[in-house]
């Protein structure tokens, strides 16, 4: 199973993307800011990252 990290500060958009990916059997982690995205990526070594360009705390 592919592991996907969704890094998006807009809650509604992040949940929409996450729900879509989970419906297609991806394992999904969510990050609401750049620092958390980097922390999660280092910890879980995701296969794919979907990210917003401008994020709180770290772009």
C-alpha atoms as a PDB file:
ATOM      1  CA  UNK A   1       0.000   0.000   0.000  1.00  0.00           C
ATOM      2  CA  UNK A   2       1.335   3.426  -0.921  1.00  0.00           C
ATOM      3  CA  UNK A   3       1.778   5.905   1.898  1.00  0.00           C
ATOM      4  CA  UNK A   4       0.786   9.501   1.049  1.00  0.00           C
ATOM      5  CA  UNK A   5       1.419  12.670   3.042  1.00  0.00           C
ATOM      6  CA  UNK A   6      -1.087  15.478   2.450  1.00  0.00           C
ATOM      7  CA  UNK A   7       0.387  18.809   3.574  1.00  0.00           C
ATOM      8  CA  UNK A   8      -2.297  21.487   3.293  1.00  0.00           C
ATOM      9  CA  UNK A   9      -3.212  24.286   5.694  1.00  0.00           C
ATOM     10  CA  UNK A  10      -6.816  24.599   4.480  1.00  0.00           C
ATOM     11  CA  UNK A  11      -8.715  22.084   6.630  1.00  0.00           C
ATOM     12  CA  UNK A  12     -11.575  21.466   4.193  1.00  0.00           C
ATOM     13  CA  UNK A  13      -9.292  20.902   1.205  1.00  0.00           C
ATOM     14  CA  UNK A  14      -6.985  18.643   3.256  1.00  0.00           C
ATOM     15  CA  UNK A  15      -9.940  16.511   4.409  1.00  0.00           C
ATOM     16  CA  UNK A  16     -11.329  16.296   0.858  1.00  0.00           C
ATOM     17  CA  UNK A  17      -8.005  15.089  -0.556  1.00  0.00           C
ATOM     18  CA  UNK A  18      -7.517  12.665   2.348  1.00  0.00           C
ATOM     19  CA  UNK A  19     -10.988  11.174   1.985  1.00  0.00           C
ATOM     20  CA  UNK A  20     -10.524  10.713  -1.775  1.00  0.00           C
ATOM     21  CA  UNK A  21      -7.183   8.957  -1.301  1.00  0.00           C
ATOM     22  CA  UNK A  22      -8.490   6.715   1.482  1.00  0.00           C
ATOM     23  CA  UNK A  23     -11.438   5.709  -0.734  1.00  0.00           C
ATOM     24  CA  UNK A  24      -8.820   4.491  -3.220  1.00  0.00           C
ATOM     25  CA  UNK A  25      -7.000   2.488  -0.540  1.00  0.00           C
ATOM     26  CA  UNK A  26      -4.007   4.741   0.107  1.00  0.00           C
ATOM     27  CA  UNK A  27      -2.560   5.082   3.598  1.00  0.00           C
ATOM     28  CA  UNK A  28      -2.747   8.828   4.313  1.00  0.00           C
ATOM     29  CA  UNK A  29      -1.110  11.130   6.863  1.00  0.00           C
ATOM     30  CA  UNK A  30      -2.098  14.777   7.228  1.00  0.00           C
ATOM     31  CA  UNK A  31      -0.072  17.864   8.085  1.00  0.00           C
ATOM     32  CA  UNK A  32      -1.496  21.334   8.623  1.00  0.00           C
ATOM     33  CA  UNK A  33       1.846  23.158   8.452  1.00  0.00           C
ATOM     34  CA  UNK A  34       5.323  22.792   6.977  1.00  0.00           C
ATOM     35  CA  UNK A  35       7.081  21.821  10.202  1.00  0.00           C
ATOM     36  CA  UNK A  36       4.651  18.993  10.877  1.00  0.00           C
ATOM     37  CA  UNK A  37       4.935  17.814   7.260  1.00  0.00           C
ATOM     38  CA  UNK A  38       8.706  17.468   7.534  1.00  0.00           C
ATOM     39  CA  UNK A  39       8.428  15.717  10.899  1.00  0.00           C
ATOM     40  CA  UNK A  40       5.869  13.207   9.566  1.00  0.00           C
ATOM     41  CA  UNK A  41       7.869  12.590   6.391  1.00  0.00           C
ATOM     42  CA  UNK A  42      11.044  11.855   8.332  1.00  0.00           C
ATOM     43  CA  UNK A  43       9.203   9.562  10.720  1.00  0.00           C
ATOM     44  CA  UNK A  44       7.110   7.550   8.244  1.00  0.00           C
ATOM     45  CA  UNK A  45       9.014   7.836   4.920  1.00  0.00           C
ATOM     46  CA  UNK A  46       6.007   8.457   2.676  1.00  0.00           C
ATOM     47  CA  UNK A  47       6.012   7.330  -0.966  1.00  0.00           C
ATOM     48  CA  UNK A  48       4.197  10.453  -2.207  1.00  0.00           C
ATOM     49  CA  UNK A  49       3.789  13.979  -0.830  1.00  0.00           C
ATOM     50  CA  UNK A  50       0.953  16.265  -1.928  1.00  0.00           C
ATOM     51  CA  UNK A  51       1.713  19.729  -0.640  1.00  0.00           C
ATOM     52  CA  UNK A  52       0.572  23.299  -0.703  1.00  0.00           C
ATOM     53  CA  UNK A  53       3.325  25.737  -1.698  1.00  0.00           C
ATOM     54  CA  UNK A  54       2.742  28.374   0.972  1.00  0.00           C
ATOM     55  CA  UNK A  55       2.357  26.818   4.426  1.00  0.00           C
ATOM     56  CA  UNK A  56       2.376  28.186   7.985  1.00  0.00           C
ATOM     57  CA  UNK A  57       5.705  28.041   9.879  1.00  0.00           C
ATOM     58  CA  UNK A  58       7.683  26.662   6.930  1.00  0.00           C
ATOM     59  CA  UNK A  59       7.161  26.746   3.150  1.00  0.00           C
END
